């Protein structure tokens, strides 16, 4: 990209790549952000002043390292400002817009984080959505790194289960610029080390089973090359799903560096290189080039691809579980679009980040956040029970934020499992039966309503549940009969069979 820009964060929104960098200049001149968009990683369009100090009244200088994330159709830009020190106003702020290119509006009118906690200057924030749907912010300069949990609307932070608001997760050698991604069930924690104004600025990393570490330093993957550039660091990572073929992703590192013929601290250029992995999951050293990367477009189909992480706990790993996991992965790919269409509602986008975990436990399976957990004991006893995966996938897509009666939530899932995915299973109904008796009974009851009253009943029911507007009066609104009247009709018919 032309011009002096540093600290780039890359995002993929739909079929368009976006880079949000720091404008590299004297601190007093760093009072705005530009961004860049591309369809192919090679040709970039500049979008000027997507946010500036005229909008952020408390930001006077040193507006650094934007981090942008999309949530519920809005785009949130987190940033640092003022190079804050103790007893000063500044730190990490957040702005919001309807489009990636803005214009952004200050969300709070003040910093989200102003104070120095655990020795970490509040800069270089990286916002990360974990597989369970929780949003975290990892940040910090001055060789200290903290993690906080963000609230639902990004207006504040919420305590962890132990009551702490901040946890320090600083790895060996850390200076600033944290970045996190997940690959094959592992958390890759990356950071910059060395001084940003000098030639030895570089990127190192760790791999962990937990976002909270421990993050044991493995080594550097981006550093100066005496034949290309110096001061290479403060990067971000891009994953392009299926770019190398079905199920094969491509990964890229976007970073800044200082040309060999420049010595001024502000002379930093944003560059991109492909990032590759060894068989054991470690990252191969990234070679600095003058050529960059080949064009890489993203079709709408690819941008909608699922990111499926499979975790099999070591004590239960065997050929049967691995085969079951692969079958489940194929079911996700086949059924996620079908269920997303059936359970659609205005303004809602179902999660495409799915974590599938196999472990030894009582019960069958459960869904929580973006994760489905399956009992290996159960799939050993019932090796063909793949319907449970469709059932739990329904729960991931439902994403009801307000409490809905369990018989309704489970009834929708069992209707889909037993009357769409599997061969219809009609349960026995007696005079003592009730539509709330069991999930399978409720599923059959819902199927009867679909067949006899409204073919779009499930889609409509799901929509009111997701909107938090469900009541038993819904049944009369849709069919003209109360739920008890409908059940009486169904039960009489079912008992005759």
Protein backbone atom coordinates (compact mmCIF):
# COMPACT_ATOMS: atom_id res chain seq x y z
CA UNK A 1 0.00 0.00 0.00
CA UNK A 2 1.36 3.49 -0.78
CA UNK A 3 2.24 5.84 2.07
CA UNK A 4 3.63 5.37 5.56
CA UNK A 5 1.35 3.10 7.55
CA UNK A 6 2.05 0.74 10.44
CA UNK A 7 0.42 -1.66 12.95
CA UNK A 8 -1.95 -3.12 10.33
CA UNK A 9 -4.95 -5.19 11.32
CA UNK A 10 -6.52 -7.25 8.56
CA UNK A 11 -10.14 -8.41 8.36
CA UNK A 12 -12.25 -10.33 5.87
CA UNK A 13 -15.82 -9.06 5.66
CA UNK A 14 -17.86 -10.90 3.03
CA UNK A 15 -15.77 -11.09 -0.13
CA UNK A 16 -13.65 -8.02 0.68
CA UNK A 17 -10.36 -7.75 2.53
CA UNK A 18 -9.80 -4.74 4.79
CA UNK A 19 -6.64 -3.34 6.38
CA UNK A 20 -6.89 -0.88 9.26
CA UNK A 21 -3.45 0.65 10.02
CA UNK A 22 -1.88 3.40 12.07
CA UNK A 23 -0.96 6.52 10.12
CA UNK A 24 2.81 6.55 10.67
CA UNK A 25 3.88 10.10 11.50
CA UNK A 26 4.85 12.30 14.47
CA UNK A 27 2.58 11.72 17.45
CA UNK A 28 0.95 15.15 17.08
CA UNK A 29 0.04 14.33 13.47
CA UNK A 30 -1.55 10.98 14.32
CA UNK A 31 -5.08 12.28 14.76
CA UNK A 32 -6.98 10.15 12.22
CA UNK A 33 -7.32 6.70 10.71
CA UNK A 34 -7.48 5.68 7.06
CA UNK A 35 -8.31 2.18 5.90
CA UNK A 36 -7.85 0.15 2.72
CA UNK A 37 -10.03 -2.42 0.94
CA UNK A 38 -9.26 -5.03 -1.71
CA UNK A 39 -10.94 -7.87 -3.55
CA UNK A 40 -7.68 -9.71 -4.25
CA UNK A 41 -4.99 -8.75 -1.66
CA UNK A 42 -3.04 -6.94 -4.39
CA UNK A 43 -5.05 -3.92 -5.55
CA UNK A 44 -6.05 -1.67 -2.66
CA UNK A 45 -8.50 1.24 -2.41
CA UNK A 46 -7.89 3.91 0.21
CA UNK A 47 -10.74 5.19 2.40
CA UNK A 48 -9.69 8.41 4.11
CA UNK A 49 -10.36 9.62 7.63
CA UNK A 50 -12.78 6.92 8.72
CA UNK A 51 -12.30 8.26 12.28
CA UNK A 52 -10.48 11.35 13.57
CA UNK A 53 -9.98 13.51 16.65
CA UNK A 54 -12.84 15.80 15.63
CA UNK A 55 -15.16 12.89 16.43
CA UNK A 56 -13.17 11.57 19.40
CA UNK A 57 -12.98 14.71 21.53
CA UNK A 58 -10.69 13.20 24.16
CA UNK A 59 -8.11 12.01 21.60
CA UNK A 60 -5.45 14.68 21.07
CA UNK A 61 -2.53 12.73 19.56
CA UNK A 62 -1.02 9.29 18.98
CA UNK A 63 -4.09 7.51 17.61
CA UNK A 64 -2.73 4.00 17.14
CA UNK A 65 -3.35 0.42 16.09
CA UNK A 66 -7.06 0.15 15.18
CA UNK A 67 -8.77 -3.21 15.70
CA UNK A 68 -12.10 -3.73 13.91
CA UNK A 69 -14.69 -6.44 14.51
CA UNK A 70 -18.20 -6.96 13.15
CA UNK A 71 -21.05 -7.79 15.53
CA UNK A 72 -24.79 -7.84 14.85
CA UNK A 73 -24.43 -5.87 11.62
CA UNK A 74 -22.31 -3.11 13.18
CA UNK A 75 -18.58 -2.51 12.91
CA UNK A 76 -16.64 -1.63 16.05
CA UNK A 77 -13.24 0.06 15.83
CA UNK A 78 -11.08 -0.15 18.95
CA UNK A 79 -8.04 2.13 19.08
CA UNK A 80 -5.43 3.66 21.33
CA UNK A 81 -4.95 7.40 21.79
CA UNK A 82 -2.74 9.96 23.55
CA UNK A 83 0.18 7.61 24.42
CA UNK A 84 -1.32 7.67 27.90
CA UNK A 85 0.76 7.74 31.08
CA UNK A 86 -0.37 7.64 34.75
CA UNK A 87 -2.85 10.38 35.71
CA UNK A 88 -3.49 11.34 32.07
CA UNK A 89 -6.62 10.96 29.96
CA UNK A 90 -6.25 8.49 27.12
CA UNK A 91 -5.91 4.80 26.45
CA UNK A 92 -8.22 2.47 24.55
CA UNK A 93 -11.38 3.81 22.94
CA UNK A 94 -14.11 2.32 20.77
CA UNK A 95 -16.11 3.71 17.86
CA UNK A 96 -18.98 2.24 15.83
CA UNK A 97 -20.16 2.42 12.22
CA UNK A 98 -22.61 0.78 9.82
CA UNK A 99 -19.88 -0.02 7.26
CA UNK A 100 -16.24 -1.12 7.54
CA UNK A 101 -15.12 2.16 5.94
CA UNK A 102 -17.12 4.24 8.38
CA UNK A 103 -17.70 6.96 9.16
CA UNK A 104 -17.19 5.86 12.78
CA UNK A 105 -18.72 7.57 15.80
CA UNK A 106 -17.21 7.58 19.28
CA UNK A 107 -19.24 5.02 21.23
CA UNK A 108 -18.52 6.18 24.76
CA UNK A 109 -17.23 9.76 24.67
CA UNK A 110 -14.36 8.61 26.90
CA UNK A 111 -11.76 5.82 26.98
CA UNK A 112 -12.94 2.28 27.53
CA UNK A 113 -9.71 1.61 29.43
CA UNK A 114 -7.72 4.57 30.76
CA UNK A 115 -5.69 3.17 33.67
CA UNK A 116 -2.35 1.41 33.73
CA UNK A 117 -3.12 -2.08 35.09
CA UNK A 118 -0.46 -4.73 35.74
CA UNK A 119 2.08 -2.36 34.20
CA UNK A 120 0.44 -2.54 30.76
CA UNK A 121 -0.01 0.72 28.88
CA UNK A 122 -3.53 0.61 27.35
CA UNK A 123 -2.57 0.42 23.66
CA UNK A 124 -2.36 -2.19 20.91
CA UNK A 125 -5.71 -3.82 21.66
CA UNK A 126 -6.72 -6.96 19.80
CA UNK A 127 -10.40 -7.96 20.00
CA UNK A 128 -11.04 -11.69 19.78
CA UNK A 129 -14.22 -13.73 19.59
CA UNK A 130 -13.71 -17.14 21.19
CA UNK A 131 -15.46 -20.32 20.07
CA UNK A 132 -18.10 -19.97 22.78
CA UNK A 133 -19.13 -16.53 21.48
CA UNK A 134 -17.38 -14.57 24.24
CA UNK A 135 -15.52 -11.42 23.18
CA UNK A 136 -12.16 -10.71 24.77
CA UNK A 137 -9.69 -7.88 24.38
CA UNK A 138 -5.98 -8.58 24.66
CA UNK A 139 -3.83 -5.47 24.93
CA UNK A 140 -0.76 -3.83 26.33
CA UNK A 141 2.46 -1.95 25.80
CA UNK A 142 5.46 -1.41 28.07
CA UNK A 143 6.23 -5.17 27.95
CA UNK A 144 3.05 -6.23 29.75
CA UNK A 145 -0.04 -7.88 28.27
CA UNK A 146 -3.53 -8.08 29.81
CA UNK A 147 -6.75 -9.83 28.82
CA UNK A 148 -10.23 -8.54 29.65
CA UNK A 149 -13.75 -9.79 28.87
CA UNK A 150 -15.99 -7.36 26.99
CA UNK A 151 -19.67 -6.91 27.71
CA UNK A 152 -22.30 -7.55 25.06
CA UNK A 153 -22.43 -4.03 23.59
CA UNK A 154 -18.72 -3.24 24.00
CA UNK A 155 -19.40 -0.37 26.38
CA UNK A 156 -17.42 -1.91 29.22
CA UNK A 157 -15.66 -4.94 30.63
CA UNK A 158 -17.09 -7.64 32.88
CA UNK A 159 -15.35 -9.63 35.60
CA UNK A 160 -14.04 -13.14 35.12
CA UNK A 161 -15.47 -15.95 37.23
CA UNK A 162 -12.91 -15.25 39.97
CA UNK A 163 -14.01 -11.62 40.21
CA UNK A 164 -10.95 -10.13 38.53
CA UNK A 165 -11.42 -7.63 35.70
CA UNK A 166 -7.88 -7.90 34.34
CA UNK A 167 -5.57 -10.89 33.96
CA UNK A 168 -1.94 -10.60 32.93
CA UNK A 169 -0.84 -13.14 30.29
CA UNK A 170 2.55 -11.70 29.32
CA UNK A 171 4.82 -14.24 27.55
CA UNK A 172 8.61 -14.20 27.52
CA UNK A 173 10.02 -11.45 25.29
CA UNK A 174 6.71 -9.62 24.87
CA UNK A 175 6.86 -5.90 24.07
CA UNK A 176 3.52 -5.01 22.41
CA UNK A 177 1.19 -5.80 19.50
CA UNK A 178 -0.67 -8.99 20.57
CA UNK A 179 -2.55 -11.09 18.02
CA UNK A 180 -4.51 -14.35 18.50
CA UNK A 181 -6.04 -16.94 16.20
CA UNK A 182 -7.23 -20.55 16.45
CA UNK A 183 -6.03 -23.36 14.23
CA UNK A 184 -6.81 -27.05 14.72
CA UNK A 185 -8.11 -26.44 18.22
CA UNK A 186 -4.98 -24.63 19.40
CA UNK A 187 -4.60 -20.97 20.37
CA UNK A 188 -1.76 -19.18 18.58
CA UNK A 189 -0.67 -16.15 20.59
CA UNK A 190 1.66 -13.81 18.68
CA UNK A 191 3.32 -10.54 19.67
CA UNK A 192 6.04 -8.06 18.77
CA UNK A 193 9.30 -7.86 20.65
CA UNK A 194 12.20 -5.40 20.60
CA UNK A 195 11.87 -1.65 20.11
CA UNK A 196 9.59 -0.40 17.34
CA UNK A 197 11.99 2.35 16.28
CA UNK A 198 14.96 0.01 15.86
CA UNK A 199 16.01 -2.63 13.32
CA UNK A 200 15.49 -5.60 15.65
CA UNK A 201 11.73 -5.25 15.97
CA UNK A 202 10.27 -8.73 15.32
CA UNK A 203 7.30 -11.08 15.78
CA UNK A 204 7.35 -14.15 18.04
CA UNK A 205 4.66 -16.63 19.03
CA UNK A 206 3.42 -19.38 21.33
CA UNK A 207 0.85 -22.20 20.98
CA UNK A 208 -1.46 -23.11 23.85
CA UNK A 209 -4.56 -25.13 24.67
CA UNK A 210 -6.08 -22.09 26.38
CA UNK A 211 -6.52 -18.44 25.51
CA UNK A 212 -5.21 -17.69 29.00
CA UNK A 213 -2.03 -19.68 28.51
CA UNK A 214 0.46 -20.52 29.65
CA UNK A 215 1.96 -19.03 26.48
CA UNK A 216 5.44 -20.54 26.15
CA UNK A 217 7.54 -18.72 23.59
CA UNK A 218 8.49 -20.90 20.60
CA UNK A 219 10.51 -18.38 18.58
CA UNK A 220 10.45 -15.61 16.01
CA UNK A 221 8.68 -15.89 12.66
CA UNK A 222 9.01 -12.33 11.30
CA UNK A 223 12.22 -10.31 11.63
CA UNK A 224 14.53 -8.08 9.65
CA UNK A 225 16.23 -9.25 6.47
CA UNK A 226 19.43 -7.36 5.61
CA UNK A 227 18.56 -7.67 1.92
CA UNK A 228 14.95 -6.50 2.14
CA UNK A 229 13.96 -4.40 5.17
CA UNK A 230 14.45 -3.82 8.88
CA UNK A 231 12.15 -3.30 11.85
CA UNK A 232 9.60 -5.91 10.70
CA UNK A 233 6.83 -6.38 13.23
CA UNK A 234 3.40 -5.48 14.66
CA UNK A 235 1.40 -7.77 12.46
CA UNK A 236 -2.01 -9.41 12.14
CA UNK A 237 -3.12 -12.71 10.62
CA UNK A 238 -5.60 -13.49 7.84
CA UNK A 239 -7.23 -16.85 7.19
CA UNK A 240 -8.86 -17.38 3.78
CA UNK A 241 -11.12 -20.45 3.98
CA UNK A 242 -10.75 -23.09 1.25
CA UNK A 243 -8.34 -20.91 -0.74
CA UNK A 244 -6.03 -23.89 -1.36
CA UNK A 245 -8.88 -26.30 -2.10
CA UNK A 246 -11.86 -27.76 -0.20
CA UNK A 247 -11.01 -27.81 3.49
CA UNK A 248 -7.59 -26.26 2.85
CA UNK A 249 -7.12 -22.69 4.00
CA UNK A 250 -4.47 -20.13 3.15
CA UNK A 251 -2.95 -17.93 5.84
CA UNK A 252 -1.28 -14.55 5.53
CA UNK A 253 0.69 -12.24 7.80
CA UNK A 254 0.22 -8.49 7.36
CA UNK A 255 2.96 -6.44 9.05
CA UNK A 256 4.98 -3.25 8.79
CA UNK A 257 8.67 -2.81 8.07
CA UNK A 258 11.21 -0.06 7.48
CA UNK A 259 12.91 0.14 4.04
CA UNK A 260 16.69 -0.29 4.03
CA UNK A 261 17.24 3.27 2.79
CA UNK A 262 15.13 4.85 5.57
CA UNK A 263 16.07 5.51 9.19
CA UNK A 264 13.30 7.77 10.49
CA UNK A 265 11.06 6.05 13.05
CA UNK A 266 7.93 7.07 11.15
CA UNK A 267 9.04 5.55 7.84
CA UNK A 268 7.11 2.29 8.09
CA UNK A 269 5.40 0.48 5.21
CA UNK A 270 2.62 -2.12 5.43
CA UNK A 271 3.34 -5.42 3.64
CA UNK A 272 1.85 -8.88 3.27
CA UNK A 273 3.39 -12.36 3.03
CA UNK A 274 1.97 -15.87 3.00
CA UNK A 275 2.21 -17.77 6.29
CA UNK A 276 2.77 -21.53 6.25
CA UNK A 277 2.78 -24.24 8.90
CA UNK A 278 4.86 -27.32 9.63
CA UNK A 279 3.24 -30.73 10.11
CA UNK A 280 3.41 -30.33 13.89
CA UNK A 281 1.49 -27.03 13.72
CA UNK A 282 4.43 -24.72 14.30
CA UNK A 283 4.77 -21.72 12.00
CA UNK A 284 7.48 -21.69 9.36
CA UNK A 285 9.71 -18.57 9.35
CA UNK A 286 8.09 -15.96 7.13
CA UNK A 287 10.37 -14.70 4.39
CA UNK A 288 10.27 -10.97 3.64
CA UNK A 289 9.84 -10.28 -0.06
CA UNK A 290 9.51 -7.37 -2.44
CA UNK A 291 6.87 -9.22 -4.47
CA UNK A 292 4.31 -9.81 -1.71
CA UNK A 293 1.58 -12.32 -2.59
CA UNK A 294 -0.32 -13.51 -5.64
CA UNK A 295 -3.92 -12.31 -6.14
CA UNK A 296 -6.41 -14.21 -4.00
CA UNK A 297 -10.12 -13.52 -4.38
CA UNK A 298 -12.88 -14.75 -2.10
CA UNK A 299 -16.19 -15.88 -3.55
CA UNK A 300 -19.37 -15.39 -1.59
CA UNK A 301 -19.47 -19.14 -1.06
CA UNK A 302 -15.97 -19.19 0.39
CA UNK A 303 -16.57 -16.23 2.66
CA UNK A 304 -19.55 -18.11 4.09
CA UNK A 305 -17.44 -21.18 4.85
CA UNK A 306 -17.58 -22.73 8.29
CA UNK A 307 -14.61 -22.64 10.58
CA UNK A 308 -14.88 -26.02 12.30
CA UNK A 309 -12.48 -26.86 15.11
CA UNK A 310 -12.46 -30.47 16.29
CA UNK A 311 -10.96 -31.31 19.68
CA UNK A 312 -10.62 -34.92 20.82
CA UNK A 313 -9.35 -35.19 24.35
CA UNK A 314 -6.22 -37.38 24.53
CA UNK A 315 -7.67 -40.06 26.80
CA UNK A 316 -10.50 -40.87 24.35
CA UNK A 317 -8.71 -40.52 21.00
CA UNK A 318 -9.04 -43.59 18.75
CA UNK A 319 -10.01 -44.51 15.18
CA UNK A 320 -13.73 -44.75 16.00
CA UNK A 321 -13.88 -41.27 17.55
CA UNK A 322 -11.83 -39.75 14.73
CA UNK A 323 -14.16 -41.30 12.13
CA UNK A 324 -17.18 -40.06 14.08
CA UNK A 325 -15.67 -36.57 14.20
CA UNK A 326 -15.14 -36.55 10.44
CA UNK A 327 -18.74 -37.65 9.83
CA UNK A 328 -19.89 -34.86 12.16
CA UNK A 329 -17.80 -32.33 10.27
CA UNK A 330 -19.47 -33.36 7.00
CA UNK A 331 -22.89 -33.04 8.64
CA UNK A 332 -22.02 -29.49 9.72
CA UNK A 333 -21.06 -28.59 6.16
CA UNK A 334 -24.25 -30.14 4.72
CA UNK A 335 -26.77 -29.06 7.35
CA UNK A 336 -25.58 -25.64 8.49
CA UNK A 337 -26.92 -23.88 5.34
CA UNK A 338 -30.18 -25.87 5.46
CA UNK A 339 -30.80 -25.03 9.09
CA UNK A 340 -29.75 -21.41 8.62
CA UNK A 341 -32.44 -21.07 5.96
CA UNK A 342 -35.14 -22.86 7.94
CA UNK A 343 -34.34 -20.92 11.14
CA UNK A 344 -33.81 -17.54 9.48
CA UNK A 345 -35.04 -14.30 11.01
CA UNK A 346 -34.52 -10.62 10.05
CA UNK A 347 -31.06 -9.27 10.84
CA UNK A 348 -29.73 -12.56 12.24
CA UNK A 349 -26.59 -14.29 10.98
CA UNK A 350 -25.86 -17.72 12.48
CA UNK A 351 -22.41 -18.47 13.80
CA UNK A 352 -19.91 -19.96 11.39
CA UNK A 353 -17.36 -20.67 14.12
CA UNK A 354 -18.07 -24.15 15.47
CA UNK A 355 -16.03 -26.07 18.03
CA UNK A 356 -16.74 -29.81 18.32
CA UNK A 357 -15.30 -31.50 21.41
CA UNK A 358 -15.26 -35.20 22.24
CA UNK A 359 -14.76 -36.20 25.86
CA UNK A 360 -15.61 -38.85 28.42
CA UNK A 361 -18.71 -37.73 30.30
CA UNK A 362 -22.17 -38.75 31.43
CA UNK A 363 -25.10 -38.03 29.14
CA UNK A 364 -25.13 -37.77 25.35
CA UNK A 365 -24.20 -34.29 24.12
CA UNK A 366 -24.85 -30.62 24.77
CA UNK A 367 -24.39 -27.27 23.04
CA UNK A 368 -23.07 -24.14 24.74
CA UNK A 369 -22.13 -20.93 22.98
CA UNK A 370 -20.36 -22.00 19.77
CA UNK A 371 -19.37 -25.44 21.09
CA UNK A 372 -20.91 -28.89 20.84
CA UNK A 373 -19.63 -31.45 23.35
CA UNK A 374 -20.19 -35.15 22.63
CA UNK A 375 -19.86 -38.08 25.02
CA UNK A 376 -17.48 -40.71 23.67
CA UNK A 377 -19.15 -43.30 25.91
CA UNK A 378 -22.45 -42.62 24.14
CA UNK A 379 -21.14 -42.84 20.58
CA UNK A 380 -19.45 -46.12 21.51
CA UNK A 381 -22.82 -47.53 22.63
CA UNK A 382 -24.76 -45.85 19.80
CA UNK A 383 -22.30 -45.55 16.90
CA UNK A 384 -24.98 -44.59 14.35
CA UNK A 385 -26.62 -41.83 16.39
CA UNK A 386 -25.46 -38.97 14.15
CA UNK A 387 -28.84 -37.32 14.52
CA UNK A 388 -27.62 -35.90 17.80
CA UNK A 389 -25.20 -33.69 15.84
CA UNK A 390 -28.06 -32.19 13.82
CA UNK A 391 -30.04 -31.71 17.03
CA UNK A 392 -27.19 -29.84 18.76
CA UNK A 393 -26.40 -27.84 15.62
CA UNK A 394 -29.98 -26.56 15.74
CA UNK A 395 -29.26 -25.23 19.24
CA UNK A 396 -26.16 -23.38 18.03
CA UNK A 397 -28.18 -21.72 15.28
CA UNK A 398 -31.18 -20.95 17.51
CA UNK A 399 -29.12 -18.58 19.69
CA UNK A 400 -32.07 -17.51 21.82
CA UNK A 401 -30.92 -14.70 24.12
CA UNK A 402 -33.98 -14.71 26.35
CA UNK A 403 -35.35 -17.71 28.14
CA UNK A 404 -37.72 -19.79 26.04
CA UNK A 405 -39.59 -22.80 27.52
CA UNK A 406 -37.34 -25.83 27.13
CA UNK A 407 -40.13 -27.86 25.53
CA UNK A 408 -40.29 -25.30 22.71
CA UNK A 409 -36.51 -25.08 22.21
CA UNK A 410 -36.07 -28.84 22.28
CA UNK A 411 -39.23 -29.46 20.30
CA UNK A 412 -37.89 -27.43 17.38
CA UNK A 413 -34.63 -29.36 17.48
CA UNK A 414 -36.36 -32.74 17.63
CA UNK A 415 -38.83 -31.81 14.89
CA UNK A 416 -35.83 -31.12 12.63
CA UNK A 417 -34.02 -34.24 13.73
CA UNK A 418 -36.86 -36.75 13.61
CA UNK A 419 -38.98 -35.32 10.77
CA UNK A 420 -36.43 -33.76 8.42
CA UNK A 421 -33.06 -35.41 9.00
CA UNK A 422 -34.22 -38.90 9.99
CA UNK A 423 -37.12 -41.08 9.01
CA UNK A 424 -40.21 -39.76 10.84
CA UNK A 425 -40.55 -41.29 14.31
CA UNK A 426 -44.10 -41.05 15.67
CA UNK A 427 -44.15 -41.49 19.46
CA UNK A 428 -46.96 -43.24 21.31
CA UNK A 429 -49.62 -40.85 22.67
CA UNK A 430 -51.99 -41.70 25.55
CA UNK A 431 -54.65 -39.80 27.46
CA UNK A 432 -52.00 -38.82 29.98
CA UNK A 433 -49.66 -37.40 27.35
CA UNK A 434 -48.97 -33.66 27.12
CA UNK A 435 -47.12 -31.61 24.54
CA UNK A 436 -44.52 -30.77 27.20
CA UNK A 437 -43.98 -34.43 28.21
CA UNK A 438 -40.95 -35.20 26.08
CA UNK A 439 -38.96 -33.59 23.33
CA UNK A 440 -39.86 -36.30 20.80
CA UNK A 441 -43.56 -35.88 21.55
CA UNK A 442 -43.25 -32.12 21.09
CA UNK A 443 -41.39 -32.65 17.82
CA UNK A 444 -44.23 -34.82 16.52
CA UNK A 445 -46.78 -32.26 17.69
CA UNK A 446 -44.94 -29.51 15.80
CA UNK A 447 -44.82 -31.70 12.70
CA UNK A 448 -48.60 -32.13 12.87
CA UNK A 449 -49.04 -28.35 13.03
CA UNK A 450 -46.73 -27.93 10.01
CA UNK A 451 -48.72 -30.49 8.01
CA UNK A 452 -52.21 -29.40 9.04
CA UNK A 453 -52.01 -25.66 9.73
CA UNK A 454 -48.93 -23.75 8.54
CA UNK A 455 -45.98 -25.09 6.55
CA UNK A 456 -43.86 -22.17 7.81
CA UNK A 457 -44.76 -22.76 11.45
CA UNK A 458 -41.21 -23.66 12.56
CA UNK A 459 -39.63 -20.64 10.89
CA UNK A 460 -42.20 -18.33 12.48
CA UNK A 461 -41.88 -19.96 15.91
CA UNK A 462 -38.10 -19.71 15.80
CA UNK A 463 -38.30 -16.02 14.87
CA UNK A 464 -40.45 -15.03 17.86
CA UNK A 465 -38.23 -17.09 20.18
CA UNK A 466 -35.11 -15.38 18.88
CA UNK A 467 -36.72 -11.96 19.23
CA UNK A 468 -37.62 -12.75 22.84
CA UNK A 469 -41.35 -12.40 22.11
CA UNK A 470 -42.55 -15.97 22.59
CA UNK A 471 -45.74 -16.67 24.53
CA UNK A 472 -48.26 -19.49 24.30
CA UNK A 473 -50.52 -16.98 22.53
CA UNK A 474 -48.32 -17.42 19.46
CA UNK A 475 -50.14 -20.66 18.60
CA UNK A 476 -53.52 -18.93 18.39
CA UNK A 477 -52.06 -16.05 16.40
CA UNK A 478 -50.78 -18.50 13.78
CA UNK A 479 -53.49 -21.18 13.71
CA UNK A 480 -56.57 -19.61 15.32
CA UNK A 481 -56.44 -22.18 18.13
CA UNK A 482 -54.75 -22.23 21.52
CA UNK A 483 -51.88 -24.62 22.12
CA UNK A 484 -54.15 -26.76 24.33
CA UNK A 485 -56.83 -26.90 21.65
CA UNK A 486 -54.25 -27.90 19.07
CA UNK A 487 -52.84 -30.57 21.34
CA UNK A 488 -56.32 -31.98 21.95
CA UNK A 489 -56.88 -32.28 18.19
CA UNK A 490 -53.47 -33.89 17.65
CA UNK A 491 -53.77 -36.30 20.57
CA UNK A 492 -57.19 -37.54 19.51
CA UNK A 493 -55.88 -38.16 16.01
CA UNK A 494 -52.67 -39.82 17.24
CA UNK A 495 -54.47 -42.16 19.65
CA UNK A 496 -56.60 -43.53 16.81
CA UNK A 497 -53.51 -44.77 14.96
